[in-house]
Amino acid sequence: MEQVKQAVEAVEEFFVRHRERLAWVHAAMFLAFLALMVVPLLLLDPPEDSTPLTHFTTFANYVLWGLWFPLVFLSVIFTGRSWCGVFCPMGAASEWANRIGLQRAIPAWIRWEGTPLVSFVLTTILGQTLGVREHPEAAAGIFGGTMAAAILIGLLWGRRKRAWCRHVCPIGRVLGLYSRLGMVQFAPKVRRPGHDGYTEKGVCPTLIDVTHKSESRHCIECFRCVNPQAAGGIRLELRRPGIEVEQIREHKANPAEAWFLFLDTGVALGGFLWLVLPQYQIVRQKVATWAVEHGWMWLLEIGPAWLMSVHPERAETFRWIDFFMITGSMLAAMAVLGAVLAALTAMAARLAGLVGGDGSFTQRFTELGYQYAPVALVSLVIGLGGMLFEPIRATPLGAEGIQAVKGALFLLGVAWSIQLGERILARQGVAFRRRWLPLLPGLAGSGIVGYAWWLAIFGP
C-alpha cells in the first residue's frame, strides 16, 4: 500500500513539475490532428486491399476509429479525463483563444444541462449522414468543424476558462459520466462542507469550486490545482473503480446525467443499426415508392455535400430520403432505448421504495440510473469502436476470437452494472435479502442493451 502511495505521489510530482510544458504536448497533438485530417485529402483513395501499414489514409482511419475512439473511452477507467487535460488539442485551443477573446459571461443556454446532449446527438447524427468513418472529407469536416466551434466559443465566452470543455464538447460529458467509474480522482485535502460548486473564480479551467469538489465528471486533470507542498488544495488519489457510482448520493447525482446515459446509448445504437439491419433498406424502399406515387420527388434528389455523403466516385451518394431515414432511425433508437431504460429504472426505484429504500422516488431513480454506466460504456466501445478488435483476426484466434473477446467484455460490463446496482441499493438502505427484487429491472435493462447490440458484440 505504501508503495502505491509513493507511486501516486511520484506521478503527481512529475505532472506538477512539468505542467507548464503541457502546452508543447497540446501543440504536438494539434499537428498530429492536422496531419490525420489534411494529408488524406491530398492523396488518392486507397486500394481495397490497403492496410494501415501500406496507405496513410487507411492508417489515419484506423488511428481515429480503431485506436482513438475506443481507447479514449476505455482510458477513463484507468486515468479519468486525462485525455481532455493532457492531450486534447481542441480544449487547449479553446482556452488559448479565450485568453485573447472577448471574455464575455457564459450565457444560460450554454450552461444548460441539456447542451452537451444536444451537441453529442447532432455530432453523432451528422457523422453518420456524412460518412465520417468512410470518407476523409467527412472526418475533416466533423473534426475541423468541432475545432472551429471550440475556438469560437473560447473567443466569445468565459474568463480564462474552458467553457467548451465544461458545457459544449460532444464527448466531454460522455467522458465525464464514465470517469465516475474511474480509479483516479483529484480530491481536496481539506474539503469544505457543502455541495460541489460552480465558479468562474479560481484556477480551475472547467469552473470547479475545488474546495467543495465531490465529483470527477468535470475534472480534466490539468494539475493546475495541485500543490503537493500546500496543506490545502487538491491531490491525486487512487480509488477502487466504480466506487463513486456506488456512493453516487455523496457525489452529486444528477438527473440530467442519468437521462444523458439513457439517450446517448440509444443514439449510438441507432448509428450502428441502420447500417446492418436489412429492415432499414426495406423501409427505405417503401418510403421511396410512396414518395414517387405522391409526387414527393424532392426526397429522391441528391442533398448538399456539407450535410450528407455525396461521393459518386466511391459509389455512395445520399439523397434527402437517406438523410431523413438515417436521422429518423437514430432518433427513434434514442427515444425507444431511452424510454425502455427509464421505465426499467423507474420500476427499480419504485420496488426499492417498497422494500425499504430511503429518499424520494426521483432520488432513487437518479441514483439507480447510473448502474447502466459499465454496460453502456462497453457496448459503445464494442459497437462503434469495433475496429479495435480487428487485429485479433490475424492471430490464430481468428474471427471467433474477436467474438469471444467482445462477448467476454460485454459480460464483464453486465456483471459490473449488476454489482453497482446492488451497491447503490445498499446505500439506499435496502436490506440484503430484499435487494434481488429491485435488481431485476436493472438486469433486464442490461440484457436489452446487449440484445440491441447483438450483431456488434457477438457477430451475425
Protein backbone atom coordinates (compact mmCIF):
# COMPACT_ATOMS: atom_id res chain seq x y z
CA MET A 1 0.00 0.00 0.00
CA GLU A 2 2.86 2.34 0.86
CA GLN A 3 4.48 1.60 -2.49
CA VAL A 4 1.27 2.50 -4.32
CA LYS A 5 1.06 5.76 -2.39
CA GLN A 6 4.65 6.60 -3.29
CA ALA A 7 3.99 5.82 -6.95
CA VAL A 8 0.95 8.13 -6.97
CA GLU A 9 2.97 10.88 -5.31
CA ALA A 10 5.70 10.44 -7.92
CA VAL A 11 3.20 10.76 -10.76
CA GLU A 12 1.68 13.81 -9.13
CA GLU A 13 5.08 15.42 -8.62
CA PHE A 14 6.07 14.73 -12.25
CA PHE A 15 2.99 16.39 -13.71
CA VAL A 16 3.17 19.32 -11.32
CA ARG A 17 6.80 19.89 -12.26
CA HIS A 18 6.07 19.71 -15.98
CA ARG A 19 2.53 21.12 -16.20
CA GLU A 20 3.75 24.26 -17.95
CA ARG A 21 5.19 22.02 -20.66
CA LEU A 22 1.79 20.50 -21.42
CA ALA A 23 1.41 23.31 -23.94
CA TRP A 24 4.02 21.51 -26.03
CA VAL A 25 2.04 18.29 -25.81
CA HIS A 26 -1.06 20.17 -26.96
CA ALA A 27 0.89 21.67 -29.87
CA ALA A 28 2.18 18.25 -30.90
CA MET A 29 -1.32 16.79 -30.70
CA PHE A 30 -2.64 19.66 -32.81
CA LEU A 31 -0.04 18.92 -35.51
CA ALA A 32 -0.86 15.21 -35.38
CA PHE A 33 -4.56 16.03 -35.60
CA LEU A 34 -3.90 18.30 -38.58
CA ALA A 35 -1.92 15.59 -40.36
CA LEU A 36 -4.64 12.97 -39.83
CA MET A 37 -7.23 15.36 -41.22
CA VAL A 38 -5.41 17.04 -44.09
CA VAL A 39 -2.98 14.51 -45.55
CA PRO A 40 -5.70 12.01 -46.63
CA LEU A 41 -7.37 14.85 -48.56
CA LEU A 42 -4.23 15.21 -50.67
CA LEU A 43 -3.87 11.53 -51.50
CA LEU A 44 -5.57 9.22 -53.95
CA ASP A 45 -8.13 6.85 -52.49
CA PRO A 46 -6.52 3.73 -51.03
CA PRO A 47 -6.96 0.42 -52.87
CA GLU A 48 -9.35 -2.10 -51.37
CA ASP A 49 -6.52 -4.31 -50.09
CA SER A 50 -4.69 -1.47 -48.36
CA THR A 51 -3.73 -1.75 -44.70
CA PRO A 52 -2.73 0.82 -42.08
CA LEU A 53 0.87 -0.09 -42.91
CA THR A 54 0.59 0.45 -46.66
CA HIS A 55 -1.52 3.60 -47.10
CA PHE A 56 -1.71 6.75 -44.95
CA THR A 57 -5.45 7.22 -45.44
CA THR A 58 -6.14 3.72 -44.12
CA PHE A 59 -3.66 4.39 -41.31
CA ALA A 60 -5.41 7.65 -40.37
CA ASN A 61 -8.81 5.95 -40.41
CA TYR A 62 -7.58 3.18 -38.12
CA VAL A 63 -5.93 5.64 -35.73
CA LEU A 64 -9.19 7.58 -35.42
CA TRP A 65 -11.71 4.76 -35.22
CA GLY A 66 -9.65 1.74 -34.23
CA LEU A 67 -7.49 3.37 -31.59
CA TRP A 68 -8.52 6.88 -30.55
CA PHE A 69 -12.28 6.42 -30.34
CA PRO A 70 -12.44 3.19 -28.28
CA LEU A 71 -9.29 3.77 -26.23
CA VAL A 72 -10.17 7.31 -25.18
CA PHE A 73 -13.39 5.92 -23.68
CA LEU A 74 -11.69 2.95 -22.03
CA SER A 75 -8.97 5.22 -20.65
CA VAL A 76 -11.39 6.91 -18.25
CA ILE A 77 -11.46 3.70 -16.20
CA PHE A 78 -7.72 3.93 -15.59
CA THR A 79 -6.82 7.62 -15.87
CA GLY A 80 -10.08 9.59 -15.76
CA ARG A 81 -10.41 12.52 -18.18
CA SER A 82 -6.65 12.71 -18.75
CA TRP A 83 -7.29 12.91 -22.49
CA CYS A 84 -9.08 16.22 -22.01
CA GLY A 85 -6.44 17.89 -19.86
CA VAL A 86 -3.22 16.38 -21.16
CA PHE A 87 -3.77 15.60 -24.84
CA CYS A 88 -6.89 17.16 -26.38
CA PRO A 89 -5.94 19.91 -28.86
CA MET A 90 -9.50 21.26 -29.08
CA GLY A 91 -9.86 22.15 -25.42
CA ALA A 92 -6.37 23.65 -25.39
CA ALA A 93 -7.16 25.70 -28.50
CA SER A 94 -10.40 26.92 -26.94
CA GLU A 95 -8.61 28.04 -23.79
CA TRP A 96 -5.86 29.75 -25.79
CA ALA A 97 -8.48 31.61 -27.81
CA ASN A 98 -10.20 32.63 -24.60
CA ARG A 99 -7.08 34.46 -23.43
CA ILE A 100 -7.27 36.84 -26.39
CA GLY A 101 -11.05 36.79 -26.84
CA LEU A 102 -13.95 38.91 -25.63
CA GLN A 103 -14.28 37.00 -22.33
CA ARG A 104 -18.00 37.59 -22.06
CA ALA A 105 -20.11 35.95 -19.37
CA ILE A 106 -21.12 32.40 -20.26
CA PRO A 107 -24.79 32.58 -21.33
CA ALA A 108 -27.51 30.46 -19.77
CA TRP A 109 -28.17 28.45 -22.94
CA ILE A 110 -24.59 27.19 -22.88
CA ARG A 111 -24.73 26.41 -19.14
CA TRP A 112 -27.99 24.46 -19.63
CA GLU A 113 -27.58 20.82 -18.58
CA GLY A 114 -29.01 19.64 -21.89
CA THR A 115 -26.43 21.41 -24.08
CA PRO A 116 -23.90 18.52 -24.03
CA LEU A 117 -26.62 16.06 -25.05
CA VAL A 118 -27.70 18.24 -27.98
CA SER A 119 -24.06 18.63 -29.02
CA PHE A 120 -23.43 14.88 -28.81
CA VAL A 121 -26.60 13.94 -30.71
CA LEU A 122 -26.07 16.47 -33.51
CA THR A 123 -22.43 15.49 -33.98
CA THR A 124 -23.22 11.77 -33.91
CA ILE A 125 -26.02 12.07 -36.46
CA LEU A 126 -24.03 14.36 -38.75
CA GLY A 127 -21.12 11.94 -38.58
CA GLN A 128 -23.42 9.20 -39.87
CA THR A 129 -25.04 11.21 -42.66
CA LEU A 130 -21.64 12.42 -43.86
CA GLY A 131 -20.00 9.00 -43.58
CA VAL A 132 -17.29 10.12 -41.19
CA ARG A 133 -15.74 6.65 -40.98
CA GLU A 134 -15.56 6.07 -44.71
CA HIS A 135 -14.64 9.45 -46.20
CA PRO A 136 -11.65 11.61 -45.20
CA GLU A 137 -13.55 14.72 -46.31
CA ALA A 138 -16.25 13.94 -43.76
CA ALA A 139 -13.71 13.33 -41.00
CA ALA A 140 -12.01 16.62 -41.81
CA GLY A 141 -15.36 18.39 -41.81
CA ILE A 142 -16.56 16.94 -38.50
CA PHE A 143 -13.30 17.30 -36.59
CA GLY A 144 -12.36 20.55 -38.26
CA GLY A 145 -15.80 21.97 -37.57
CA THR A 146 -15.58 20.86 -33.95
CA MET A 147 -12.20 22.54 -33.61
CA ALA A 148 -13.60 25.74 -35.15
CA ALA A 149 -16.57 25.67 -32.74
CA ALA A 150 -14.23 25.17 -29.77
CA ILE A 151 -12.12 28.14 -30.80
CA LEU A 152 -15.17 30.31 -31.46
CA ILE A 153 -16.68 29.59 -28.05
CA GLY A 154 -13.32 30.31 -26.47
CA LEU A 155 -13.13 33.64 -28.27
CA LEU A 156 -16.57 34.70 -27.09
CA TRP A 157 -17.28 33.32 -23.62
CA GLY A 158 -15.55 32.69 -20.31
CA ARG A 159 -12.75 34.43 -18.46
CA ARG A 160 -9.59 32.39 -18.94
CA LYS A 161 -11.72 29.24 -18.72
CA ARG A 162 -12.78 26.31 -20.90
CA ALA A 163 -16.50 26.84 -21.38
CA TRP A 164 -16.19 24.48 -24.35
CA CYS A 165 -14.91 21.56 -22.26
CA ARG A 166 -17.38 22.12 -19.43
CA HIS A 167 -20.56 22.73 -21.40
CA VAL A 168 -20.41 22.05 -25.14
CA CYS A 169 -17.84 19.41 -26.17
CA PRO A 170 -19.69 16.47 -27.83
CA ILE A 171 -17.70 13.84 -25.94
CA GLY A 172 -16.81 15.84 -22.83
CA ARG A 173 -19.98 14.93 -20.95
CA VAL A 174 -19.70 11.30 -22.10
CA LEU A 175 -16.14 11.04 -20.80
CA GLY A 176 -17.15 12.87 -17.64
CA LEU A 177 -20.01 10.46 -17.00
CA TYR A 178 -17.84 7.38 -17.43
CA SER A 179 -14.97 8.94 -15.45
CA ARG A 180 -17.17 8.39 -12.39
CA LEU A 181 -16.24 4.73 -12.84
CA GLY A 182 -12.54 5.52 -12.90
CA MET A 183 -9.81 4.60 -10.45
CA VAL A 184 -8.31 8.11 -10.43
CA GLN A 185 -9.65 11.15 -8.66
CA PHE A 186 -8.45 14.62 -7.71
CA ALA A 187 -9.76 15.27 -4.21
CA PRO A 188 -9.46 18.22 -1.81
CA LYS A 189 -7.01 17.62 1.01
CA VAL A 190 -9.42 19.52 3.24
CA ARG A 191 -12.94 19.55 1.84
CA ARG A 192 -15.24 22.32 2.98
CA PRO A 193 -18.86 21.44 3.81
CA GLY A 194 -21.37 21.87 1.00
CA HIS A 195 -22.02 20.58 -2.47
CA ASP A 196 -19.73 20.55 -5.47
CA GLY A 197 -19.86 24.13 -6.74
CA TYR A 198 -19.58 26.08 -10.00
CA THR A 199 -17.39 29.17 -10.11
CA GLU A 200 -15.55 31.30 -12.64
CA LYS A 201 -13.09 32.29 -9.93
CA GLY A 202 -10.05 30.25 -9.04
CA VAL A 203 -7.55 28.29 -11.06
CA CYS A 204 -9.79 25.50 -12.43
CA PRO A 205 -10.31 25.91 -16.21
CA THR A 206 -13.56 23.90 -16.11
CA LEU A 207 -15.11 26.12 -13.43
CA ILE A 208 -14.98 23.71 -10.49
CA ASP A 209 -15.04 25.15 -6.98
CA VAL A 210 -12.13 22.97 -5.92
CA THR A 211 -12.63 23.48 -2.17
CA HIS A 212 -16.04 21.76 -2.44
CA LYS A 213 -15.11 19.24 -5.14
CA SER A 214 -17.01 15.97 -4.73
CA GLU A 215 -17.39 14.59 -8.26
CA SER A 216 -14.98 13.71 -11.04
CA ARG A 217 -17.04 14.35 -14.18
CA HIS A 218 -15.83 17.91 -14.87
CA CYS A 219 -12.19 17.43 -13.85
CA ILE A 220 -9.84 17.35 -16.87
CA GLU A 221 -6.75 16.56 -14.77
CA CYS A 222 -4.67 19.55 -15.81
CA PHE A 223 -2.88 19.52 -12.39
CA ARG A 224 -3.20 23.31 -12.00
CA CYS A 225 -4.95 22.99 -8.65
CA VAL A 226 -2.38 20.52 -7.31
CA ASN A 227 0.30 21.76 -4.93
CA PRO A 228 1.99 18.90 -3.03
CA GLN A 229 3.63 21.26 -0.54
CA ALA A 230 0.43 23.05 0.48
CA ALA A 231 -1.67 21.88 3.41
CA GLY A 232 -4.82 22.54 1.41
CA GLY A 233 -5.55 22.29 -2.29
CA ILE A 234 -6.10 19.16 -4.38
CA ARG A 235 -4.20 15.89 -4.51
CA LEU A 236 -4.14 12.93 -6.85
CA GLU A 237 -5.61 9.74 -5.39
CA LEU A 238 -6.30 6.20 -6.48
CA ARG A 239 -9.61 4.59 -5.61
CA ARG A 240 -11.49 1.39 -6.29
CA PRO A 241 -13.07 1.53 -9.78
CA GLY A 242 -16.78 2.26 -9.59
CA ILE A 243 -16.84 3.50 -6.01
CA GLU A 244 -18.05 6.96 -6.99
CA VAL A 245 -21.09 5.41 -8.66
CA GLU A 246 -21.65 3.06 -5.72
CA GLN A 247 -21.72 6.14 -3.48
CA ILE A 248 -23.32 8.43 -6.04
CA ARG A 249 -25.54 10.02 -3.38
CA GLU A 250 -22.42 11.67 -1.93
CA HIS A 251 -21.12 12.70 -5.35
CA LYS A 252 -23.88 14.95 -6.70
CA ALA A 253 -26.16 12.53 -8.53
CA ASN A 254 -27.59 14.42 -11.47
CA PRO A 255 -30.94 13.59 -13.16
CA ALA A 256 -29.77 15.17 -16.43
CA GLU A 257 -26.71 12.92 -16.38
CA ALA A 258 -28.82 9.81 -15.85
CA TRP A 259 -31.01 10.76 -18.81
CA PHE A 260 -27.91 11.51 -20.84
CA LEU A 261 -26.72 7.96 -20.15
CA PHE A 262 -30.00 6.52 -21.43
CA LEU A 263 -30.19 8.71 -24.53
CA ASP A 264 -26.57 8.71 -25.69
CA THR A 265 -26.60 4.91 -25.55
CA GLY A 266 -29.68 4.91 -27.76
CA VAL A 267 -28.43 7.34 -30.40
CA ALA A 268 -25.10 5.49 -30.64
CA LEU A 269 -27.04 2.25 -31.10
CA GLY A 270 -29.08 3.88 -33.86
CA GLY A 271 -25.87 4.85 -35.64
CA PHE A 272 -24.98 1.17 -35.81
CA LEU A 273 -28.33 -0.47 -36.51
CA TRP A 274 -29.24 1.41 -39.69
CA LEU A 275 -26.04 0.09 -41.27
CA VAL A 276 -26.63 -3.58 -40.50
CA LEU A 277 -30.36 -4.24 -40.33
CA PRO A 278 -31.98 -5.35 -43.61
CA GLN A 279 -35.26 -3.87 -42.35
CA TYR A 280 -33.81 -0.41 -42.84
CA GLN A 281 -33.43 -0.96 -46.60
CA ILE A 282 -36.90 -2.48 -46.81
CA VAL A 283 -38.48 0.55 -45.15
CA ARG A 284 -36.37 2.91 -47.26
CA GLN A 285 -37.63 1.25 -50.45
CA LYS A 286 -41.23 1.56 -49.28
CA VAL A 287 -40.78 5.23 -48.43
CA ALA A 288 -39.15 5.87 -51.83
CA THR A 289 -42.07 4.17 -53.59
CA TRP A 290 -44.55 6.24 -51.59
CA ALA A 291 -42.65 9.44 -52.47
CA VAL A 292 -42.83 8.67 -56.20
CA GLU A 293 -46.51 7.78 -56.05
CA HIS A 294 -47.35 11.03 -54.23
CA GLY A 295 -45.12 13.34 -56.25
CA TRP A 296 -42.56 13.99 -53.50
CA MET A 297 -39.69 13.69 -55.95
CA TRP A 298 -37.51 16.09 -53.97
CA LEU A 299 -36.95 13.29 -51.46
CA LEU A 300 -35.03 11.42 -54.17
CA GLU A 301 -32.83 14.38 -55.08
CA ILE A 302 -29.17 14.48 -54.05
CA GLY A 303 -28.59 16.61 -50.98
CA PRO A 304 -25.79 19.08 -50.19
CA ALA A 305 -22.33 17.66 -49.55
CA TRP A 306 -21.97 19.57 -46.27
CA LEU A 307 -24.97 17.70 -44.84
CA MET A 308 -24.72 14.22 -46.31
CA SER A 309 -22.39 11.88 -48.15
CA VAL A 310 -22.09 12.81 -51.84
CA HIS A 311 -19.25 10.75 -53.28
CA PRO A 312 -20.25 9.28 -56.65
CA GLU A 313 -16.61 8.40 -57.32
CA ARG A 314 -16.87 5.99 -54.37
CA ALA A 315 -20.33 4.74 -55.32
CA GLU A 316 -22.02 6.45 -52.38
CA THR A 317 -24.44 9.31 -52.93
CA PHE A 318 -27.05 10.10 -50.33
CA ARG A 319 -30.35 11.71 -51.17
CA TRP A 320 -32.76 13.58 -48.95
CA ILE A 321 -34.56 10.32 -48.24
CA ASP A 322 -31.32 8.88 -46.85
CA PHE A 323 -30.71 11.92 -44.67
CA PHE A 324 -34.17 11.78 -43.13
CA MET A 325 -34.17 7.99 -42.82
CA ILE A 326 -30.79 7.88 -41.07
CA THR A 327 -31.66 10.78 -38.79
CA GLY A 328 -35.09 9.34 -38.04
CA SER A 329 -33.68 5.88 -37.31
CA MET A 330 -31.11 7.23 -34.89
CA LEU A 331 -33.59 9.47 -33.09
CA ALA A 332 -36.09 6.62 -32.91
CA ALA A 333 -33.49 4.28 -31.41
CA MET A 334 -32.56 7.00 -28.91
CA ALA A 335 -36.18 7.53 -27.92
CA VAL A 336 -37.05 3.83 -27.67
CA LEU A 337 -33.98 2.69 -25.75
CA GLY A 338 -34.11 5.80 -23.57
CA ALA A 339 -37.75 5.14 -22.73
CA VAL A 340 -37.11 1.45 -22.01
CA LEU A 341 -34.16 2.13 -19.71
CA ALA A 342 -36.05 4.96 -17.99
CA ALA A 343 -39.09 2.73 -17.46
CA LEU A 344 -36.98 -0.08 -16.02
CA THR A 345 -35.14 2.36 -13.77
CA ALA A 346 -38.46 3.79 -12.60
CA MET A 347 -39.63 0.25 -11.83
CA ALA A 348 -36.42 -0.41 -9.87
CA ALA A 349 -36.81 2.86 -7.96
CA ARG A 350 -40.43 2.02 -7.12
CA LEU A 351 -39.54 -1.50 -5.98
CA ALA A 352 -36.64 -0.18 -3.94
CA GLY A 353 -39.02 2.13 -2.12
CA LEU A 354 -41.41 -0.73 -1.41
CA VAL A 355 -38.69 -2.90 0.13
CA GLY A 356 -37.20 -0.24 2.38
CA GLY A 357 -35.21 2.14 0.20
CA ASP A 358 -34.97 5.67 1.56
CA GLY A 359 -35.15 9.01 -0.22
CA SER A 360 -37.69 10.22 -2.74
CA PHE A 361 -38.64 8.36 -5.91
CA THR A 362 -36.73 10.92 -8.01
CA GLN A 363 -33.62 10.47 -5.89
CA ARG A 364 -33.74 6.69 -6.14
CA PHE A 365 -34.44 6.89 -9.89
CA THR A 366 -31.44 9.15 -10.49
CA GLU A 367 -29.08 7.04 -8.40
CA LEU A 368 -30.18 3.74 -9.96
CA GLY A 369 -29.83 5.19 -13.47
CA TYR A 370 -26.06 5.18 -13.02
CA GLN A 371 -25.95 1.39 -12.72
CA TYR A 372 -26.05 1.13 -16.53
CA ALA A 373 -22.76 3.03 -16.94
CA PRO A 374 -20.47 -0.04 -17.33
CA VAL A 375 -22.65 -1.94 -19.78
CA ALA A 376 -23.30 1.25 -21.77
CA LEU A 377 -19.59 2.05 -21.93
CA VAL A 378 -18.63 -1.46 -23.02
CA SER A 379 -21.40 -1.53 -25.64
CA LEU A 380 -20.29 1.83 -27.03
CA VAL A 381 -16.69 0.68 -27.34
CA ILE A 382 -17.58 -2.67 -28.89
CA GLY A 383 -20.35 -1.39 -31.15
CA LEU A 384 -18.79 1.76 -32.59
CA GLY A 385 -15.12 1.00 -31.91
CA GLY A 386 -15.14 -2.46 -33.42
CA MET A 387 -12.00 -1.77 -35.48
CA LEU A 388 -10.02 -2.03 -32.25
CA PHE A 389 -10.54 -5.78 -32.27
CA GLU A 390 -9.71 -6.41 -35.93
CA PRO A 391 -6.02 -7.28 -35.34
CA ILE A 392 -7.25 -10.39 -33.48
CA ARG A 393 -8.42 -11.69 -36.86
CA ALA A 394 -4.79 -12.08 -37.96
CA THR A 395 -3.98 -14.27 -34.95
CA PRO A 396 -4.75 -17.99 -34.59
CA LEU A 397 -7.94 -16.95 -32.75
CA GLY A 398 -9.40 -15.56 -35.99
CA ALA A 399 -12.95 -14.23 -36.24
CA GLU A 400 -14.09 -16.48 -33.42
CA GLY A 401 -11.52 -14.85 -31.19
CA ILE A 402 -12.97 -11.42 -31.92
CA GLN A 403 -16.44 -12.58 -30.89
CA ALA A 404 -15.05 -14.27 -27.78
CA VAL A 405 -13.22 -11.12 -26.64
CA LYS A 406 -16.24 -8.92 -27.34
CA GLY A 407 -18.55 -11.32 -25.54
CA ALA A 408 -16.27 -11.51 -22.51
CA LEU A 409 -16.03 -7.72 -22.30
CA PHE A 410 -19.79 -7.37 -22.56
CA LEU A 411 -20.43 -9.95 -19.84
CA LEU A 412 -17.91 -8.13 -17.66
CA GLY A 413 -19.85 -4.91 -18.23
CA VAL A 414 -23.13 -6.60 -17.29
CA ALA A 415 -21.65 -8.10 -14.14
CA TRP A 416 -20.21 -4.72 -13.14
CA SER A 417 -23.55 -2.99 -13.75
CA ILE A 418 -25.34 -5.53 -11.56
CA GLN A 419 -22.72 -5.09 -8.83
CA LEU A 420 -23.13 -1.31 -8.95
CA GLY A 421 -26.90 -1.65 -8.77
CA GLU A 422 -26.59 -3.83 -5.69
CA ARG A 423 -24.24 -1.36 -4.00
CA ILE A 424 -26.50 1.60 -4.82
CA LEU A 425 -29.44 -0.23 -3.28
CA ALA A 426 -27.35 -0.92 -0.19
CA ARG A 427 -26.65 2.80 0.15
CA GLN A 428 -30.39 3.40 -0.13
CA GLY A 429 -30.93 1.21 2.89
CA VAL A 430 -32.46 -1.83 1.18
CA ALA A 431 -31.77 -4.97 3.22
CA PHE A 432 -29.53 -7.56 1.56
CA ARG A 433 -32.19 -10.27 1.40
CA ARG A 434 -34.56 -7.88 -0.42
CA ARG A 435 -32.21 -6.36 -2.98
CA TRP A 436 -32.80 -9.06 -5.57
CA LEU A 437 -36.24 -7.67 -6.38
CA PRO A 438 -35.25 -4.10 -7.41
CA LEU A 439 -32.16 -5.56 -9.11
CA LEU A 440 -34.29 -7.47 -11.63
CA PRO A 441 -35.24 -4.42 -13.76
CA GLY A 442 -31.56 -3.44 -13.97
CA LEU A 443 -30.64 -6.95 -15.07
CA ALA A 444 -33.36 -6.79 -17.72
CA GLY A 445 -32.07 -3.39 -18.89
CA SER A 446 -28.53 -4.69 -19.28
CA GLY A 447 -29.89 -7.65 -21.22
CA ILE A 448 -31.85 -5.37 -23.53
CA VAL A 449 -28.76 -3.26 -24.22
CA GLY A 450 -26.84 -6.42 -25.07
CA TYR A 451 -29.62 -7.72 -27.30
CA ALA A 452 -29.78 -4.39 -29.13
CA TRP A 453 -26.02 -4.52 -29.78
CA TRP A 454 -26.10 -8.27 -30.51
CA LEU A 455 -24.67 -8.08 -34.04
CA ALA A 456 -21.87 -5.77 -32.96
CA ILE A 457 -20.97 -7.79 -29.89
CA PHE A 458 -21.44 -11.39 -30.94
CA GLY A 459 -21.47 -11.12 -34.74
CA PRO A 460 -24.09 -12.30 -37.24
